C-alpha atoms as a PDB file:
ATOM      1  CA  MET A   1      89.494 114.717  98.688  1.00  0.00           C
ATOM      2  CA  ALA A   2      86.823 113.241 100.954  1.00  0.00           C
ATOM      3  CA  TYR A   3      88.068 111.266 103.939  1.00  0.00           C
ATOM      4  CA  THR A   4      86.290 108.563 105.891  1.00  0.00           C
ATOM      5  CA  ASN A   5      86.013 110.005 109.382  1.00  0.00           C
ATOM      6  CA  MET A   6      86.786 106.950 111.500  1.00  0.00           C
ATOM      7  CA  THR A   7      89.366 106.576 114.242  1.00  0.00           C
ATOM      8  CA  ARG A   8      91.240 103.338 114.811  1.00  0.00           C
ATOM      9  CA  ARG A   9      89.539 103.059 118.179  1.00  0.00           C
ATOM     10  CA  ALA A  10      86.223 102.986 116.329  1.00  0.00           C
ATOM     11  CA  VAL A  11      87.610 100.385 113.931  1.00  0.00           C
ATOM     12  CA  PHE A  12      88.790  98.202 116.814  1.00  0.00           C
ATOM     13  CA  GLN A  13      85.408  98.567 118.523  1.00  0.00           C
ATOM     14  CA  GLY A  14      83.553  97.838 115.299  1.00  0.00           C
ATOM     15  CA  ALA A  15      81.779 101.205 115.215  1.00  0.00           C
ATOM     16  CA  ALA A  16      82.279 104.357 113.162  1.00  0.00           C
ATOM     17  CA  GLY A  17      83.443 107.393 115.079  1.00  0.00           C
ATOM     18  CA  LEU A  18      82.674 110.679 113.365  1.00  0.00           C
ATOM     19  CA  ALA A  19      85.075 113.599 113.342  1.00  0.00           C
ATOM     20  CA  THR A  20      85.770 116.669 111.237  1.00  0.00           C
ATOM     21  CA  TRP A  21      89.274 117.007 109.843  1.00  0.00           C
ATOM     22  CA  THR A  22      90.985 120.133 108.590  1.00  0.00           C
ATOM     23  CA  ALA A  23      93.067 119.627 105.459  1.00  0.00           C
ATOM     24  CA  LEU A  24      96.776 120.106 106.049  1.00  0.00           C
ATOM     25  CA  ALA A  25      98.722 122.583 103.941  1.00  0.00           C
ATOM     26  CA  GLY A  26     101.563 121.316 101.750  1.00  0.00           C
ATOM     27  CA  LEU A  27     104.978 121.478 103.401  1.00  0.00           C
ATOM     28  CA  PRO A  28     108.299 122.630 101.913  1.00  0.00           C
ATOM     29  CA  LEU A  29     110.842 120.024 100.851  1.00  0.00           C
ATOM     30  CA  ALA A  30     114.261 119.702 102.440  1.00  0.00           C
ATOM     31  CA  THR A  31     116.832 117.035 103.214  1.00  0.00           C
ATOM     32  CA  THR A  32     117.898 116.431 106.809  1.00  0.00           C
ATOM     33  CA  ALA A  33     121.040 114.378 107.482  1.00  0.00           C
ATOM     34  CA  ALA A  34     121.696 112.396 110.655  1.00  0.00           C
ATOM     35  CA  ARG A  35     122.789 114.736 113.441  1.00  0.00           C
ATOM     36  CA  ALA A  36     125.698 114.333 115.797  1.00  0.00           C
ATOM     37  CA  GLN A  37     124.021 113.750 119.137  1.00  0.00           C
ATOM     38  CA  SER A  38     124.464 111.582 122.195  1.00  0.00           C
ATOM     39  CA  ALA A  39     124.706 107.887 121.429  1.00  0.00           C
ATOM     40  CA  ALA A  40     121.380 106.190 120.784  1.00  0.00           C
ATOM     41  CA  PRO A  41     120.626 102.787 122.348  1.00  0.00           C
ATOM     42  CA  TYR A  42     120.242 101.356 118.829  1.00  0.00           C
ATOM     43  CA  PRO A  43     122.250 101.584 115.587  1.00  0.00           C
ATOM     44  CA  ILE A  44     121.894 104.834 113.634  1.00  0.00           C
ATOM     45  CA  LEU A  45     122.283 105.032 109.853  1.00  0.00           C
ATOM     46  CA  PRO A  46     125.503 107.059 109.373  1.00  0.00           C
ATOM     47  CA  GLN A  47     124.483 108.701 106.100  1.00  0.00           C
ATOM     48  CA  GLY A  48     120.958 109.502 107.279  1.00  0.00           C
ATOM     49  CA  ARG A  49     117.774 109.127 105.240  1.00  0.00           C
ATOM     50  CA  LEU A  50     115.706 111.485 103.103  1.00  0.00           C
ATOM     51  CA  ILE A  51     113.170 113.477 105.096  1.00  0.00           C
ATOM     52  CA  PRO A  52     111.199 115.913 102.874  1.00  0.00           C
ATOM     53  CA  GLY A  53     110.601 118.518 105.553  1.00  0.00           C
ATOM     54  CA  ALA A  54     111.678 119.564 109.037  1.00  0.00           C
ATOM     55  CA  PRO A  55     110.913 117.155 111.901  1.00  0.00           C
ATOM     56  CA  GLN A  56     108.534 119.699 113.434  1.00  0.00           C
ATOM     57  CA  ASP A  57     106.440 119.574 110.254  1.00  0.00           C
ATOM     58  CA  TYR A  58     105.588 115.966 111.040  1.00  0.00           C
ATOM     59  CA  THR A  59     104.916 116.546 114.724  1.00  0.00           C
ATOM     60  CA  ALA A  60     102.574 119.379 113.742  1.00  0.00           C
ATOM     61  CA  ALA A  61     100.721 116.969 111.432  1.00  0.00           C
ATOM     62  CA  MET A  62     100.361 114.204 114.033  1.00  0.00           C
ATOM     63  CA  LEU A  63      96.867 112.986 114.876  1.00  0.00           C
ATOM     64  CA  SER A  64      95.487 110.612 117.472  1.00  0.00           C
ATOM     65  CA  GLY A  65      94.726 107.186 116.044  1.00  0.00           C
ATOM     66  CA  GLY A  66      92.354 106.441 118.917  1.00  0.00           C
ATOM     67  CA  PRO A  67      94.250 104.248 121.433  1.00  0.00           C
ATOM     68  CA  GLY A  68      96.763 106.096 123.612  1.00  0.00           C
ATOM     69  CA  LYS A  69     100.446 105.386 124.138  1.00  0.00           C
ATOM     70  CA  ASP A  70     100.929 101.606 124.371  1.00  0.00           C
ATOM     71  CA  GLY A  71      97.157 101.270 123.927  1.00  0.00           C
ATOM     72  CA  ILE A  72      98.085  98.980 121.053  1.00  0.00           C
ATOM     73  CA  PRO A  73     100.522  96.731 122.928  1.00  0.00           C
ATOM     74  CA  SER A  74     103.754  95.591 121.335  1.00  0.00           C
ATOM     75  CA  ILE A  75     104.775  91.943 121.711  1.00  0.00           C
ATOM     76  CA  ASP A  76     107.886  91.972 123.872  1.00  0.00           C
ATOM     77  CA  ASP A  77     108.219  88.277 124.732  1.00  0.00           C
ATOM     78  CA  PRO A  78     107.357  86.521 121.468  1.00  0.00           C
ATOM     79  CA  LYS A  79     106.782  82.764 121.320  1.00  0.00           C
ATOM     80  CA  PHE A  80     107.123  80.731 118.151  1.00  0.00           C
ATOM     81  CA  TRP A  81     105.610  77.699 116.466  1.00  0.00           C
ATOM     82  CA  ASN A  82     107.086  75.185 114.050  1.00  0.00           C
ATOM     83  CA  VAL A  83     105.413  74.881 110.644  1.00  0.00           C
ATOM     84  CA  GLU A  84     103.353  71.896 111.813  1.00  0.00           C
ATOM     85  CA  ASP A  85     101.913  73.917 114.692  1.00  0.00           C
ATOM     86  CA  THR A  86     100.225  76.399 112.343  1.00  0.00           C
ATOM     87  CA  ASN A  87      97.794  74.006 110.628  1.00  0.00           C
ATOM     88  CA  ASP A  88      94.795  75.195 112.642  1.00  0.00           C
ATOM     89  CA  PHE A  89      95.666  78.877 112.348  1.00  0.00           C
ATOM     90  CA  LEU A  90      97.213  79.820 108.989  1.00  0.00           C
ATOM     91  CA  ASP A  91      95.784  79.277 105.521  1.00  0.00           C
ATOM     92  CA  ASP A  92      98.089  79.140 102.501  1.00  0.00           C
ATOM     93  CA  GLY A  93      96.890  82.531 101.264  1.00  0.00           C
ATOM     94  CA  ASP A  94      97.390  84.341 104.567  1.00  0.00           C
ATOM     95  CA  ILE A  95      99.925  87.167 104.589  1.00  0.00           C
ATOM     96  CA  VAL A  96     103.138  86.756 106.571  1.00  0.00           C
ATOM     97  CA  PHE A  97     106.177  88.991 106.936  1.00  0.00           C
ATOM     98  CA  GLY A  98     109.327  86.927 106.611  1.00  0.00           C
ATOM     99  CA  LEU A  99     112.976  87.520 107.420  1.00  0.00           C
ATOM    100  CA  VAL A 100     116.201  85.570 107.808  1.00  0.00           C
ATOM    101  CA  GLU A 101     119.041  86.565 110.131  1.00  0.00           C
ATOM    102  CA  ASN A 102     122.201  84.456 110.427  1.00  0.00           C
ATOM    103  CA  GLY A 103     120.373  81.434 109.027  1.00  0.00           C
ATOM    104  CA  VAL A 104     117.322  81.764 111.312  1.00  0.00           C
ATOM    105  CA  ALA A 105     114.077  82.165 109.362  1.00  0.00           C
ATOM    106  CA  ARG A 106     110.999  83.631 111.023  1.00  0.00           C
ATOM    107  CA  ALA A 107     107.494  84.480 109.819  1.00  0.00           C
ATOM    108  CA  TYR A 108     105.189  87.002 111.468  1.00  0.00           C
ATOM    109  CA  PRO A 109     101.512  86.522 110.512  1.00  0.00           C
ATOM    110  CA  GLN A 110      99.729  89.700 109.523  1.00  0.00           C
ATOM    111  CA  ARG A 111      96.683  88.418 111.420  1.00  0.00           C
ATOM    112  CA  ILE A 112      98.658  88.782 114.661  1.00  0.00           C
ATOM    113  CA  LEU A 113     100.576  91.955 113.910  1.00  0.00           C
ATOM    114  CA  VAL A 114      97.414  93.834 112.933  1.00  0.00           C
ATOM    115  CA  TRP A 115      96.578  93.820 116.675  1.00  0.00           C
ATOM    116  CA  HIS A 116     100.058  94.710 117.963  1.00  0.00           C
ATOM    117  CA  GLU A 117     101.998  96.486 115.150  1.00  0.00           C
ATOM    118  CA  ILE A 118     105.404  95.859 116.773  1.00  0.00           C
ATOM    119  CA  VAL A 119     107.259  92.710 117.827  1.00  0.00           C
ATOM    120  CA  ASN A 120     110.456  93.234 119.818  1.00  0.00           C
ATOM    121  CA  ASP A 121     112.454  90.143 118.901  1.00  0.00           C
ATOM    122  CA  VAL A 122     115.967  88.712 118.718  1.00  0.00           C
ATOM    123  CA  VAL A 123     116.631  86.733 115.539  1.00  0.00           C
ATOM    124  CA  GLY A 124     119.938  84.987 114.948  1.00  0.00           C
ATOM    125  CA  GLY A 125     121.458  87.129 117.681  1.00  0.00           C
ATOM    126  CA  VAL A 126     120.205  90.405 116.143  1.00  0.00           C
ATOM    127  CA  GLY A 127     117.809  92.574 118.159  1.00  0.00           C
ATOM    128  CA  LEU A 128     114.973  93.591 115.843  1.00  0.00           C
ATOM    129  CA  ALA A 129     111.763  95.574 116.003  1.00  0.00           C
ATOM    130  CA  VAL A 130     109.447  93.967 113.438  1.00  0.00           C
ATOM    131  CA  THR A 131     106.841  96.602 112.634  1.00  0.00           C
ATOM    132  CA  TYR A 132     103.617  96.622 110.645  1.00  0.00           C
ATOM    133  CA  CYS A 133     101.240  99.507 110.009  1.00  0.00           C
ATOM    134  CA  PRO A 134      97.807  98.268 108.874  1.00  0.00           C
ATOM    135  CA  LEU A 135      96.749 101.707 107.629  1.00  0.00           C
ATOM    136  CA  THR A 136      99.645 102.097 105.171  1.00  0.00           C
ATOM    137  CA  GLY A 137     100.269  98.407 104.425  1.00  0.00           C
ATOM    138  CA  THR A 138     103.941  98.640 105.403  1.00  0.00           C
ATOM    139  CA  ALA A 139     106.042  95.978 107.130  1.00  0.00           C
ATOM    140  CA  ILE A 140     109.580  97.112 108.031  1.00  0.00           C
ATOM    141  CA  ALA A 141     112.186  95.629 110.376  1.00  0.00           C
ATOM    142  CA  PHE A 142     114.628  97.801 112.331  1.00  0.00           C
ATOM    143  CA  GLU A 143     117.707  97.066 114.393  1.00  0.00           C
ATOM    144  CA  ARG A 144     116.758  97.939 117.971  1.00  0.00           C
ATOM    145  CA  GLY A 145     119.927  97.239 119.930  1.00  0.00           C
ATOM    146  CA  GLN A 146     118.967  96.589 123.551  1.00  0.00           C
ATOM    147  CA  THR A 147     115.921  98.835 123.661  1.00  0.00           C
ATOM    148  CA  GLU A 148     112.284  98.093 122.871  1.00  0.00           C
ATOM    149  CA  PHE A 149     109.928 100.018 120.627  1.00  0.00           C
ATOM    150  CA  GLY A 150     106.294 100.748 121.434  1.00  0.00           C
ATOM    151  CA  VAL A 151     103.217 102.146 119.655  1.00  0.00           C
ATOM    152  CA  SER A 152     102.703 105.833 120.459  1.00  0.00           C
ATOM    153  CA  GLY A 153      99.028 105.912 119.491  1.00  0.00           C
ATOM    154  CA  ARG A 154      99.733 108.840 117.189  1.00  0.00           C
ATOM    155  CA  LEU A 155      99.752 108.826 113.391  1.00  0.00           C
ATOM    156  CA  VAL A 156     101.143 110.962 110.622  1.00  0.00           C
ATOM    157  CA  ASN A 157      99.996 110.336 107.047  1.00  0.00           C
ATOM    158  CA  SER A 158      98.011 107.418 108.532  1.00  0.00           C
ATOM    159  CA  ASN A 159     101.333 105.811 109.448  1.00  0.00           C
ATOM    160  CA  LEU A 160     102.335 104.276 112.761  1.00  0.00           C
ATOM    161  CA  ILE A 161     104.509 106.490 114.953  1.00  0.00           C
ATOM    162  CA  MET A 162     106.628 104.317 117.225  1.00  0.00           C
ATOM    163  CA  PHE A 163     108.854 105.311 120.126  1.00  0.00           C
ATOM    164  CA  ASP A 164     111.852 103.773 121.826  1.00  0.00           C
ATOM    165  CA  ARG A 165     111.379 103.027 125.500  1.00  0.00           C
ATOM    166  CA  ASP A 166     114.850 104.184 126.555  1.00  0.00           C
ATOM    167  CA  THR A 167     114.838 107.760 125.245  1.00  0.00           C
ATOM    168  CA  ASP A 168     111.219 108.291 124.086  1.00  0.00           C
ATOM    169  CA  THR A 169     112.327 109.341 120.612  1.00  0.00           C
ATOM    170  CA  TRP A 170     109.433 109.137 118.145  1.00  0.00           C
ATOM    171  CA  PHE A 171     109.801 107.691 114.636  1.00  0.00           C
ATOM    172  CA  PRO A 172     107.148 107.474 111.888  1.00  0.00           C
ATOM    173  CA  GLN A 173     107.611 103.965 110.534  1.00  0.00           C
ATOM    174  CA  VAL A 174     107.850 104.890 106.826  1.00  0.00           C
ATOM    175  CA  LEU A 175     110.067 107.905 107.448  1.00  0.00           C
ATOM    176  CA  ALA A 176     112.235 105.946 109.949  1.00  0.00           C
ATOM    177  CA  VAL A 177     113.760 109.258 111.112  1.00  0.00           C
ATOM    178  CA  GLY A 178     113.306 110.735 114.582  1.00  0.00           C
ATOM    179  CA  ILE A 179     110.822 113.617 114.675  1.00  0.00           C
ATOM    180  CA  LYS A 180     110.573 114.109 118.441  1.00  0.00           C
ATOM    181  CA  GLY A 181     112.909 113.401 121.345  1.00  0.00           C
ATOM    182  CA  PRO A 182     116.671 113.210 121.953  1.00  0.00           C
ATOM    183  CA  HIS A 183     117.454 111.563 118.599  1.00  0.00           C
ATOM    184  CA  ILE A 184     115.473 113.857 116.358  1.00  0.00           C
ATOM    185  CA  GLY A 185     116.771 113.787 112.776  1.00  0.00           C
ATOM    186  CA  GLN A 186     118.555 110.447 113.180  1.00  0.00           C
ATOM    187  CA  ALA A 187     117.665 107.476 110.971  1.00  0.00           C
ATOM    188  CA  LEU A 188     117.064 103.915 112.091  1.00  0.00           C
ATOM    189  CA  VAL A 189     118.872 101.002 110.456  1.00  0.00           C
ATOM    190  CA  GLU A 190     116.581  98.671 108.545  1.00  0.00           C
ATOM    191  CA  ARG A 191     116.887  94.929 107.938  1.00  0.00           C
ATOM    192  CA  PRO A 192     115.454  92.992 104.953  1.00  0.00           C
ATOM    193  CA  ILE A 193     111.916  91.707 105.460  1.00  0.00           C
ATOM    194  CA  VAL A 194     109.465  90.509 102.818  1.00  0.00           C
ATOM    195  CA  TRP A 195     105.695  90.589 102.467  1.00  0.00           C
ATOM    196  CA  THR A 196     104.476  87.260 101.079  1.00  0.00           C
ATOM    197  CA  THR A 197     101.963  84.466 101.615  1.00  0.00           C
ATOM    198  CA  TRP A 198     102.262  81.622 104.071  1.00  0.00           C
ATOM    199  CA  ALA A 199     102.325  79.046 101.250  1.00  0.00           C
ATOM    200  CA  ARG A 200     105.221  80.773  99.513  1.00  0.00           C
ATOM    201  CA  TRP A 201     107.217  81.375 102.700  1.00  0.00           C
ATOM    202  CA  LYS A 202     106.951  77.851 104.101  1.00  0.00           C
ATOM    203  CA  ALA A 203     107.853  76.375 100.692  1.00  0.00           C
ATOM    204  CA  ALA A 204     110.976  78.532 100.566  1.00  0.00           C
ATOM    205  CA  PHE A 205     111.846  78.094 104.262  1.00  0.00           C
ATOM    206  CA  PRO A 206     110.385  74.797 105.529  1.00  0.00           C
ATOM    207  CA  ASN A 207     112.256  75.128 108.841  1.00  0.00           C
ATOM    208  CA  THR A 208     110.891  78.589 109.552  1.00  0.00           C
ATOM    209  CA  GLU A 209     109.692  79.575 112.997  1.00  0.00           C
ATOM    210  CA  VAL A 210     106.311  81.326 113.152  1.00  0.00           C
ATOM    211  CA  LEU A 211     105.121  83.928 115.632  1.00  0.00           C
ATOM    212  CA  SER A 212     102.445  82.235 117.726  1.00  0.00           C
ATOM    213  CA  THR A 213      99.242  83.535 119.289  1.00  0.00           C
ATOM    214  CA  GLU A 214     100.827  83.141 122.746  1.00  0.00           C
ATOM    215  CA  THR A 215     101.339  86.877 122.978  1.00  0.00           C
ATOM    216  CA  GLY A 216     100.243  87.430 126.576  1.00  0.00           C
ATOM    217  CA  PHE A 217      97.180  89.338 125.360  1.00  0.00           C
ATOM    218  CA  PHE A 218      93.610  88.288 124.625  1.00  0.00           C
ATOM    219  CA  ARG A 219      92.812  89.149 121.023  1.00  0.00           C
ATOM    220  CA  ASN A 220      90.717  87.497 118.336  1.00  0.00           C
ATOM    221  CA  TYR A 221      93.559  86.655 115.961  1.00  0.00           C
ATOM    222  CA  GLY A 222      91.124  85.017 113.580  1.00  0.00           C
ATOM    223  CA  VAL A 223      89.614  88.404 112.718  1.00  0.00           C
ATOM    224  CA  ASP A 224      91.230  91.425 111.067  1.00  0.00           C
ATOM    225  CA  PRO A 225      89.428  94.581 112.283  1.00  0.00           C
ATOM    226  CA  TYR A 226      90.196  96.375 109.002  1.00  0.00           C
ATOM    227  CA  GLY A 227      88.959  93.717 106.563  1.00  0.00           C
ATOM    228  CA  ALA A 228      91.016  90.888 105.059  1.00  0.00           C
ATOM    229  CA  TYR A 229      93.931  90.262 102.704  1.00  0.00           C
ATOM    230  CA  ASN A 230      92.818  86.683 101.960  1.00  0.00           C
ATOM    231  CA  ALA A 231      90.837  87.559  99.868  1.00  0.00           C
ATOM    232  CA  VAL A 232      91.228  91.341  99.728  1.00  0.00           C
ATOM    233  CA  SER A 233      88.319  93.168 101.340  1.00  0.00           C
ATOM    234  CA  GLY A 234      87.409  96.149 103.487  1.00  0.00           C
ATOM    235  CA  TYR A 235      90.051  98.786 104.088  1.00  0.00           C
ATOM    236  CA  TYR A 236      92.596  96.911 101.947  1.00  0.00           C
ATOM    237  CA  VAL A 237      90.718  97.232  98.643  1.00  0.00           C
ATOM    238  CA  PRO A 238      92.901  99.415  96.326  1.00  0.00           C
ATOM    239  CA  GLN A 239      90.083 101.848  95.525  1.00  0.00           C
ATOM    240  CA  SER A 240      88.930 102.314  99.133  1.00  0.00           C
ATOM    241  CA  SER A 241      89.451 105.529 101.071  1.00  0.00           C
ATOM    242  CA  THR A 242      91.989 106.338 103.754  1.00  0.00           C
ATOM    243  CA  LEU A 243      90.833 107.081 107.293  1.00  0.00           C
ATOM    244  CA  PHE A 244      92.942 110.162 108.031  1.00  0.00           C
ATOM    245  CA  PRO A 245      94.122 113.306 106.201  1.00  0.00           C
ATOM    246  CA  LEU A 246      97.460 113.299 104.392  1.00  0.00           C
ATOM    247  CA  MET A 247     100.215 115.893 104.094  1.00  0.00           C
ATOM    248  CA  ASN A 248     100.237 115.264 100.333  1.00  0.00           C
ATOM    249  CA  ASP A 249      97.630 113.618  98.122  1.00  0.00           C
ATOM    250  CA  ASP A 250      98.458 112.058  94.727  1.00  0.00           C
ATOM    251  CA  ASP A 251      95.639 110.586  92.629  1.00  0.00           C
ATOM    252  CA  ARG A 252      97.658 109.050  89.772  1.00  0.00           C
ATOM    253  CA  TYR A 253      96.856 105.560  91.103  1.00  0.00           C
ATOM    254  CA  PRO A 254      94.172 104.115  93.377  1.00  0.00           C
ATOM    255  CA  GLN A 255      95.264 104.977  96.890  1.00  0.00           C
ATOM    256  CA  LYS A 256      96.055 101.444  98.025  1.00  0.00           C
ATOM    257  CA  THR A 257      97.803 100.183  94.898  1.00  0.00           C
ATOM    258  CA  VAL A 258     100.873  98.259  96.043  1.00  0.00           C
ATOM    259  CA  PHE A 259     104.348  99.583  95.219  1.00  0.00           C
ATOM    260  CA  VAL A 260     107.801  98.274  96.044  1.00  0.00           C
ATOM    261  CA  SER A 261     109.425 101.347  97.530  1.00  0.00           C
ATOM    262  CA  ALA A 262     112.764 102.607  98.820  1.00  0.00           C
ATOM    263  CA  ARG A 263     114.451 105.798  99.946  1.00  0.00           C
ATOM    264  CA  THR A 264     118.096 106.795 100.161  1.00  0.00           C
ATOM    265  CA  PRO A 265     119.642 109.944 101.672  1.00  0.00           C
ATOM    266  CA  ASN A 266     118.842 111.767  98.419  1.00  0.00           C
ATOM    267  CA  ALA A 267     115.935 110.082  96.665  1.00  0.00           C
ATOM    268  CA  SER A 268     112.768 108.023  96.939  1.00  0.00           C
ATOM    269  CA  VAL A 269     111.555 105.542  94.331  1.00  0.00           C
ATOM    270  CA  ALA A 270     108.530 103.285  93.893  1.00  0.00           C
ATOM    271  CA  PHE A 271     107.919 100.440  91.434  1.00  0.00           C
ATOM    272  CA  ASN A 272     104.387  99.251  90.751  1.00  0.00           C
ATOM    273  CA  LEU A 273     104.297  95.620  91.906  1.00  0.00           C
ATOM    274  CA  ASP A 274     101.901  94.580  89.121  1.00  0.00           C
ATOM    275  CA  SER A 275     104.245  96.053  86.495  1.00  0.00           C
ATOM    276  CA  LEU A 276     107.220  94.369  88.131  1.00  0.00           C
ATOM    277  CA  ARG A 277     105.440  91.015  87.995  1.00  0.00           C
ATOM    278  CA  GLU A 278     104.957  91.466  84.250  1.00  0.00           C
ATOM    279  CA  GLU A 279     108.443  92.757  83.394  1.00  0.00           C
ATOM    280  CA  ASN A 280     110.582  90.992  86.061  1.00  0.00           C
ATOM    281  CA  ARG A 281     113.074  93.860  85.951  1.00  0.00           C
ATOM    282  CA  LEU A 282     112.534  97.624  85.900  1.00  0.00           C
ATOM    283  CA  GLU A 283     114.884 100.626  86.001  1.00  0.00           C
ATOM    284  CA  THR A 284     114.460 104.304  86.774  1.00  0.00           C
ATOM    285  CA  GLU A 285     116.638 107.346  87.449  1.00  0.00           C
ATOM    286  CA  VAL A 286     116.165 110.136  89.986  1.00  0.00           C
ATOM    287  CA  ASN A 287     118.496 112.930  91.079  1.00  0.00           C
ATOM    288  CA  GLY A 288     121.375 111.374  89.153  1.00  0.00           C
ATOM    289  CA  GLU A 289     120.921 107.949  90.799  1.00  0.00           C
ATOM    290  CA  VAL A 290     119.816 104.875  88.859  1.00  0.00           C
ATOM    291  CA  PHE A 291     117.705 102.208  90.574  1.00  0.00           C
ATOM    292  CA  THR A 292     116.961  98.685  89.412  1.00  0.00           C
ATOM    293  CA  SER A 293     114.138  96.548  90.764  1.00  0.00           C
ATOM    294  CA  ILE A 294     113.835  92.803  90.175  1.00  0.00           C
ATOM    295  CA  TYR A 295     110.922  90.474  90.858  1.00  0.00           C
ATOM    296  CA  ASP A 296     111.199  87.447  93.134  1.00  0.00           C
ATOM    297  CA  GLU A 297     108.535  85.073  91.808  1.00  0.00           C
ATOM    298  CA  ARG A 298     109.243  82.604  94.585  1.00  0.00           C
ATOM    299  CA  LEU A 299     107.974  85.063  97.242  1.00  0.00           C
ATOM    300  CA  ASP A 300     105.936  87.369  94.946  1.00  0.00           C
ATOM    301  CA  THR A 301     107.857  90.450  95.999  1.00  0.00           C
ATOM    302  CA  GLY A 302     110.420  92.867  94.620  1.00  0.00           C
ATOM    303  CA  TYR A 303     113.925  94.004  95.559  1.00  0.00           C
ATOM    304  CA  ILE A 304     115.579  97.315  94.751  1.00  0.00           C
ATOM    305  CA  PHE A 305     119.247  97.899  93.946  1.00  0.00           C
ATOM    306  CA  ARG A 306     121.274 101.045  93.423  1.00  0.00           C
ATOM    307  CA  GLY A 307     122.738 101.253  89.918  1.00  0.00           C
ATOM    308  CA  LYS A 308     122.261  99.844  86.442  1.00  0.00           C
ATOM    309  CA  THR A 309     123.944  96.814  84.958  1.00  0.00           C
ATOM    310  CA  SER A 310     123.800  94.475  81.985  1.00  0.00           C
ATOM    311  CA  ALA A 311     124.325  91.556  84.354  1.00  0.00           C
ATOM    312  CA  SER A 312     121.662  88.887  84.775  1.00  0.00           C
ATOM    313  CA  PRO A 313     120.290  88.395  88.309  1.00  0.00           C
ATOM    314  CA  THR A 314     119.813  84.963  89.844  1.00  0.00           C
ATOM    315  CA  ILE A 315     117.751  84.717  93.019  1.00  0.00           C
ATOM    316  CA  ASN A 316     119.465  82.141  95.186  1.00  0.00           C
ATOM    317  CA  GLY A 317     116.804  82.064  97.859  1.00  0.00           C
ATOM    318  CA  ALA A 318     118.647  81.674 101.153  1.00  0.00           C
ATOM    319  CA  SER A 319     117.142  84.967 102.316  1.00  0.00           C
ATOM    320  CA  ALA A 320     115.688  88.174 100.957  1.00  0.00           C
ATOM    321  CA  TYR A 321     118.102  89.926  98.608  1.00  0.00           C
ATOM    322  CA  ASP A 322     120.118  86.727  98.166  1.00  0.00           C
ATOM    323  CA  VAL A 323     120.810  87.638  94.544  1.00  0.00           C
ATOM    324  CA  SER A 324     123.909  86.948  92.447  1.00  0.00           C
ATOM    325  CA  TRP A 325     124.755  88.763  89.220  1.00  0.00           C
ATOM    326  CA  SER A 326     126.476  87.234  86.186  1.00  0.00           C
ATOM    327  CA  GLY A 327     127.807  88.763  82.984  1.00  0.00           C
ATOM    328  CA  GLY A 328     128.357  92.236  84.368  1.00  0.00           C
ATOM    329  CA  GLU A 329     128.702  94.431  87.420  1.00  0.00           C
ATOM    330  CA  ALA A 330     126.876  93.404  90.604  1.00  0.00           C
ATOM    331  CA  LEU A 331     124.496  95.929  92.110  1.00  0.00           C
ATOM    332  CA  GLU A 332     124.213  97.185  95.689  1.00  0.00           C
ATOM    333  CA  PRO A 333     120.945  96.265  97.437  1.00  0.00           C
ATOM    334  CA  ILE A 334     119.062  98.988  99.279  1.00  0.00           C
ATOM    335  CA  ASP A 335     116.274  98.556 101.811  1.00  0.00           C
ATOM    336  CA  ALA A 336     112.876  98.207 100.168  1.00  0.00           C
ATOM    337  CA  PHE A 337     109.363  97.531 101.392  1.00  0.00           C
ATOM    338  CA  GLN A 338     105.872  97.191  99.989  1.00  0.00           C
ATOM    339  CA  ALA A 339     103.630 100.170 100.595  1.00  0.00           C
ATOM    340  CA  MET A 340     100.260 101.492  99.570  1.00  0.00           C
ATOM    341  CA  TRP A 341     100.550 104.226  96.960  1.00  0.00           C
ATOM    342  CA  PHE A 342      99.201 106.988  99.166  1.00  0.00           C
ATOM    343  CA  ALA A 343     101.713 106.202 101.918  1.00  0.00           C
ATOM    344  CA  MET A 344     104.809 106.825  99.823  1.00  0.00           C
ATOM    345  CA  THR A 345     103.536 109.981  98.159  1.00  0.00           C
ATOM    346  CA  ALA A 346     102.159 111.395 101.411  1.00  0.00           C
ATOM    347  CA  PHE A 347     105.662 111.301 102.903  1.00  0.00           C
ATOM    348  CA  TYR A 348     107.641 111.707  99.678  1.00  0.00           C
ATOM    349  CA  PRO A 349     105.695 113.781  97.136  1.00  0.00           C
ATOM    350  CA  GLU A 350     108.719 113.845  94.811  1.00  0.00           C
ATOM    351  CA  THR A 351     108.904 110.023  94.630  1.00  0.00           C
ATOM    352  CA  LYS A 352     110.039 108.800  91.201  1.00  0.00           C
ATOM    353  CA  VAL A 353     107.473 106.238  90.096  1.00  0.00           C
ATOM    354  CA  HIS A 354     107.813 103.408  87.602  1.00  0.00           C
ATOM    355  CA  GLY A 355     104.730 101.523  86.527  1.00  0.00           C
END
């Protein structure tokens, strides 16, 4: 496959930087459980998370994204607007990442996070690292305890590698498992966050707080250096090329087709968002586990549950995954996120795909 040879530093400077990349060999598959190590300064997922290779495989595949460590600065003292404060900044079609913790709703505009990638926040009393990788189109929230996470400046499979500032353990965002440092092999705990538009989020949560441009940094938050999502252009076009080599390449779909994705300790699954919109409910089976995905029309996103049931889902809407089931067995929600096609299959080549 041909790759566009452009570093993120070149993207941020508005110029193409040329480089020659060597294709990476395919890596063997394996499952690594969470290891018993010294206590981390943040919650660790007890059952671990699927990692299709040894941690050193991912460190060997790391590349510089251009800026160095903390060269893309995280937002560590976030300030927030009310809905009325956003009139001169957000359009209805702009992308926001929304979450609700203990009744507190917050929205994080993609136009801000594209310049920072991580917000260290406390929402409803829960310490969270709200993360966004522009290159893989993935927004994921993690419990951070009392530590802060920063941007390492390194990438693997075009994905953000973040680090915690207490122990300097490095975590690829999609993998969410330590690949370098004291907590290697341990998995971060995720929290529900949805990718939606500003119009949909503010209609669902009219009292939401919104991350403001008072970040402490001078950035042009009216411009996305990669293109635009409203309307889709530049790097975000489904058929466009990636910027960096991948550990695994799968051409069944255009590289940036959007999937609703999840991974457990034993499996990874992905549901085509366009197919989910059409069907409202999809099911698939992998490694003896059944997964059900349902569509939330209100927020134009999907949720994934472990199991299969004849029950009918009702989306109640107080938060993501606020779903009740009637007429049968309720299903267990599992953490899901939207991702570009290439991102899931680069990390998880055995992903079971529906759609």
